[in-house]
Protein backbone atom coordinates (compact mmCIF):
# COMPACT_ATOMS: atom_id res chain seq x y z
CA MET A 1 50.43 -126.15 -8.03
CA ASN A 2 52.80 -128.93 -8.91
CA ILE A 3 51.98 -128.80 -12.59
CA PHE A 4 52.84 -125.08 -12.74
CA ARG A 5 56.05 -125.66 -10.81
CA ARG A 6 57.13 -128.25 -13.25
CA LEU A 7 56.29 -126.07 -16.23
CA PHE A 8 58.06 -123.04 -14.83
CA LYS A 9 61.23 -124.89 -14.00
CA ILE A 10 61.95 -126.03 -17.54
CA GLY A 11 63.02 -123.74 -20.39
CA LYS A 12 60.57 -121.76 -22.50
CA ALA A 13 61.00 -124.03 -25.55
CA GLU A 14 60.58 -127.11 -23.39
CA ALA A 15 57.56 -125.65 -21.71
CA ASN A 16 55.93 -124.92 -25.03
CA SER A 17 56.70 -128.47 -26.17
CA ALA A 18 55.20 -129.89 -22.98
CA ILE A 19 52.06 -127.84 -23.45
CA ASP A 20 51.76 -128.91 -27.08
CA LYS A 21 51.91 -132.54 -26.04
CA MET A 22 49.04 -132.14 -23.58
CA GLU A 23 45.90 -133.93 -24.68
CA ASP A 24 43.77 -130.96 -23.58
CA PRO A 25 45.65 -127.92 -22.25
CA ILE A 26 42.40 -126.35 -20.91
CA LYS A 27 41.56 -129.39 -18.83
CA MET A 28 45.20 -129.71 -17.68
CA THR A 29 45.16 -126.08 -16.58
CA GLU A 30 41.88 -126.51 -14.77
CA GLN A 31 43.31 -129.52 -12.99
CA GLY A 32 46.34 -127.43 -12.06
CA ILE A 33 44.10 -124.77 -10.55
CA ARG A 34 42.21 -127.46 -8.62
CA ASP A 35 45.57 -128.74 -7.30
CA MET A 36 46.43 -125.22 -6.24
CA LYS A 37 43.16 -124.92 -4.32
CA GLN A 38 43.90 -128.13 -2.55
CA ASP A 39 47.31 -126.77 -1.64
CA LEU A 40 45.60 -123.61 -0.48
CA ASP A 41 43.30 -125.65 1.79
CA LYS A 42 46.34 -127.38 3.27
CA SER A 43 48.12 -124.07 3.73
CA LEU A 44 45.07 -122.62 5.50
CA GLU A 45 44.92 -125.68 7.79
CA ALA A 46 48.61 -125.34 8.57
CA LEU A 47 48.14 -121.61 9.18
CA ALA A 48 45.29 -122.32 11.61
CA GLN A 49 47.47 -124.88 13.47
CA VAL A 50 50.46 -122.52 13.74
CA LYS A 51 48.17 -119.68 14.79
CA ALA A 52 46.75 -121.93 17.52
CA MET A 53 50.34 -122.74 18.74
CA ALA A 54 51.21 -119.02 18.65
CA ILE A 55 48.08 -118.16 20.71
CA ARG A 56 48.95 -120.92 23.18
CA ALA A 57 52.52 -119.76 23.55
CA ASN A 58 51.34 -116.18 24.13
CA ASN A 59 48.82 -117.38 26.67
CA GLU A 60 51.49 -119.42 28.50
CA LYS A 61 53.86 -116.43 28.42
CA GLU A 62 51.18 -114.26 30.09
CA GLU A 63 50.41 -117.01 32.54
CA TYR A 64 54.08 -117.50 33.60
CA THR A 65 54.55 -113.70 33.71
CA SER A 66 51.60 -113.49 36.08
CA LYS A 67 53.02 -116.31 38.25
CA ALA A 68 56.46 -114.69 38.39
CA GLU A 69 54.85 -111.47 39.61
CA ASP A 70 52.77 -113.38 42.06
CA TYR A 71 55.80 -115.24 43.55
CA GLN A 72 57.70 -111.91 43.74
CA ASN A 73 54.83 -110.32 45.65
CA LYS A 74 54.57 -113.28 48.00
CA ALA A 75 58.27 -113.18 48.78
CA MET A 76 57.97 -109.45 49.60
CA LEU A 77 54.92 -109.97 51.73
CA ILE A 78 56.57 -112.80 53.74
CA LEU A 79 59.62 -110.62 54.41
CA LYS A 80 57.41 -107.72 55.53
CA LYS A 81 55.58 -110.02 57.95
CA ALA A 82 58.94 -111.17 59.37
CA GLN A 83 59.99 -107.48 59.63
CA ASN A 84 56.78 -106.67 61.50
CA GLY A 85 57.29 -109.63 63.86
CA ASP A 86 54.38 -111.57 62.49
CA LEU A 87 56.55 -114.37 61.20
CA ASP A 88 59.75 -116.00 62.33
CA ILE A 89 62.66 -114.61 60.42
CA SER A 90 64.22 -117.99 59.60
CA GLU A 91 60.83 -119.34 58.46
CA ALA A 92 60.26 -116.16 56.48
CA ASP A 93 63.65 -116.51 54.82
CA ARG A 94 62.86 -120.14 53.92
CA LEU A 95 59.46 -119.33 52.48
CA ALA A 96 60.66 -116.26 50.64
CA LYS A 97 63.48 -118.29 49.18
CA GLU A 98 61.01 -120.91 47.92
CA ALA A 99 58.86 -118.16 46.41
CA LEU A 100 61.87 -116.71 44.64
CA ILE A 101 62.77 -120.14 43.32
CA LYS A 102 59.28 -120.50 41.92
CA LYS A 103 59.61 -117.04 40.45
CA GLU A 104 62.85 -118.05 38.74
CA GLU A 105 61.19 -121.14 37.24
CA ALA A 106 58.36 -119.01 36.00
CA THR A 107 60.86 -116.57 34.50
CA LYS A 108 62.60 -119.39 32.60
CA HIS A 109 59.19 -120.43 31.23
CA ILE A 110 58.57 -116.83 30.22
CA ALA A 111 61.80 -116.86 28.21
CA ARG A 112 60.94 -120.21 26.59
CA THR A 113 57.31 -119.29 25.75
CA SER A 114 58.45 -115.90 24.47
CA GLU A 115 60.90 -117.56 22.12
CA GLU A 116 58.19 -120.01 20.96
CA ALA A 117 55.65 -117.20 20.50
CA ASP A 118 58.08 -115.15 18.40
CA LYS A 119 58.89 -118.19 16.26
CA PHE A 120 55.21 -119.08 15.74
CA ASN A 121 54.30 -115.45 15.09
CA LYS A 122 56.96 -115.29 12.37
CA SER A 123 55.60 -118.54 10.88
CA VAL A 124 52.11 -117.10 10.97
CA THR A 125 53.24 -114.03 9.13
CA GLN A 126 55.01 -116.02 6.47
CA LEU A 127 52.11 -118.40 6.03
CA GLU A 128 49.64 -115.57 5.77
CA LYS A 129 51.86 -114.06 3.06
CA ASN A 130 51.96 -117.40 1.22
CA VAL A 131 48.31 -117.93 1.47
CA SER A 132 47.61 -114.43 0.18
CA GLU A 133 49.94 -115.01 -2.75
CA VAL A 134 48.35 -118.33 -3.58
CA LYS A 135 44.87 -116.73 -3.46
CA SER A 136 46.03 -113.96 -5.73
CA ASN A 137 47.58 -116.40 -8.18
CA ILE A 138 44.46 -118.58 -8.26
CA SER A 139 42.28 -115.54 -8.93
CA LYS A 140 44.70 -114.33 -11.65
CA TRP A 141 44.98 -117.67 -13.33
CA GLU A 142 41.25 -118.30 -13.20
CA ASN A 143 40.69 -115.00 -14.95
CA GLU A 144 43.40 -115.82 -17.47
CA LEU A 145 41.84 -119.25 -18.03
CA LYS A 146 38.48 -117.64 -18.83
CA THR A 147 40.21 -115.38 -21.34
CA LEU A 148 42.05 -118.33 -22.81
CA LYS A 149 38.82 -120.35 -23.15
CA ALA A 150 37.25 -117.42 -25.03
CA ARG A 151 40.29 -117.11 -27.23
CA VAL A 152 40.30 -120.82 -27.94
CA LYS A 153 36.64 -120.63 -29.06
CA VAL A 154 37.43 -117.75 -31.37
CA SER A 155 40.62 -119.34 -32.72
CA ASN A 156 38.87 -122.67 -33.35
CA ALA A 157 36.00 -120.94 -35.17
CA THR A 158 38.47 -118.92 -37.25
CA LYS A 159 40.59 -121.99 -37.91
CA ASN A 160 37.57 -124.00 -39.10
CA LEU A 161 36.42 -121.15 -41.30
CA ASN A 162 39.91 -120.63 -42.79
CA LYS A 163 40.23 -124.35 -43.32
CA GLN A 164 36.99 -124.45 -45.25
CA MET A 165 38.10 -121.49 -47.29
CA ALA A 166 41.46 -123.10 -47.94
CA GLU A 167 39.80 -126.35 -49.07
CA ILE A 168 37.84 -124.50 -51.74
CA ASP A 169 39.59 -124.88 -55.16
CA SER A 170 39.15 -121.59 -56.91
CA SER A 171 40.02 -123.02 -60.32
CA SER A 172 37.49 -125.84 -60.04
CA THR A 173 34.91 -123.30 -58.83
CA VAL A 174 35.49 -121.14 -61.94
CA THR A 175 35.28 -124.26 -64.14
CA MET A 176 32.01 -125.24 -62.50
CA LEU A 177 30.57 -121.79 -63.02
CA GLU A 178 31.62 -121.77 -66.68
CA ARG A 179 29.98 -125.17 -67.20
CA MET A 180 26.79 -123.93 -65.55
CA LYS A 181 26.87 -120.83 -67.73
CA GLU A 182 27.33 -122.92 -70.85
CA LYS A 183 24.47 -125.19 -69.85
CA VAL A 184 22.17 -122.27 -69.17
CA GLN A 185 23.02 -120.77 -72.57
CA GLN A 186 22.34 -124.10 -74.21
CA GLU A 187 18.99 -124.39 -72.48
CA GLU A 188 18.10 -120.82 -73.51
CA ALA A 189 19.04 -121.54 -77.12
CA LEU A 190 16.97 -124.74 -77.07
CA ALA A 191 14.01 -122.94 -75.66
CA GLU A 192 14.32 -120.28 -78.44
CA ALA A 193 14.52 -123.02 -81.09
CA TYR A 194 11.39 -124.64 -79.80
CA GLY A 195 9.70 -121.24 -79.88
CA ASP A 196 10.72 -120.70 -83.51
CA ILE A 197 9.42 -124.16 -84.51
CA ALA A 198 6.12 -123.43 -82.71
CA ASN A 199 5.73 -120.06 -84.43
CA GLU A 200 6.60 -121.52 -87.83
CA SER A 201 4.03 -124.31 -87.45
CA LYS A 202 1.44 -121.77 -86.33
CA SER A 203 2.10 -119.52 -89.42
CA ILE A 204 1.64 -122.37 -91.88
CA ASP A 205 -1.61 -123.40 -90.18
CA ASP A 206 -2.89 -119.82 -90.45
CA GLU A 207 -2.09 -119.70 -94.18
CA LEU A 208 -3.80 -122.99 -94.83
CA ASP A 209 -6.81 -122.01 -92.85
CA ALA A 210 -7.08 -118.66 -94.73
CA ILE A 211 -6.95 -120.42 -98.06
CA THR A 212 -9.38 -123.13 -97.22
CA ASP A 213 -11.77 -120.97 -95.19
CA THR A 214 -15.38 -121.55 -96.55
CA THR A 215 -17.10 -119.60 -93.87
CA GLU A 216 -18.02 -116.66 -96.11
CA ASP A 217 -19.26 -118.78 -99.01
CA SER A 218 -21.50 -120.79 -96.65
CA ALA A 219 -22.89 -117.58 -95.24
CA LEU A 220 -23.76 -116.17 -98.73
CA SER A 221 -25.45 -119.44 -99.71
CA ASP A 222 -27.52 -119.42 -96.51
CA LEU A 223 -28.44 -115.81 -97.16
CA GLU A 224 -29.78 -116.56 -100.67
CA LYS A 225 -31.75 -119.44 -99.41
CA LEU A 226 -33.31 -117.35 -96.71
CA LYS A 227 -34.30 -114.58 -99.17
CA GLU A 228 -35.76 -117.09 -101.51
CA LYS A 229 -37.84 -118.52 -98.77
CA LEU A 230 -39.08 -115.12 -97.82
CA GLY A 231 -39.81 -114.14 -101.41
CA ILE A 232 -37.31 -111.37 -101.54
CA ASN A 233 -36.00 -110.61 -104.93
CA ASN A 234 -32.78 -108.62 -105.10
CA ASP A 235 -33.59 -107.36 -108.61
CA LYS A 236 -36.91 -105.94 -107.64
CA GLU A 237 -35.37 -104.05 -104.71
CA ALA A 238 -32.90 -102.63 -107.00
């Protein structure tokens, strides 16, 4: 709890400055909550001790109250016995007096223990209130810490993304795209040029082959030779 006390005692600007200087605010806050839990354990221990003293004072009060009533009853009984002749009057007076003295002592103890019991009971009430408040604060701050952790994750992710986006130079990106576009156009033009060259070479070869093609002449020559061998005369058929 000490870390929160220190932070809450200084001004808002100073508190923000102190938090900014922390190496790790999340870890520091977690440590603060652990400190609060230790304080809570000490408070619970103190509460138990004060409760024990209050219970003891109340028990003593009841005990002395019972003794005072007992001494009062004994004094009355002694006097009755003297009245009935069962006991000497002077002896009865002495014993009754002693009983009343004991009663008075018990009555003083009743007043003392009552005062102590009241004081301890008030302390118990205040400590129970403090313990309840600390428990509530711990629960609240633990929930807030969970929320803060989630917000830190989101903010870090957003910050990193924005940082990456901010580091991107739009002008250089456009320049790079234009260069890529120019290169692609150059490659396309080069491919088209190679295609034209290939088609041109192919056309010349076709023309040359057509002019120098001797396939039909060879076939006619072979046909004449075959007819001659078979004794076929074209003029006779005609």
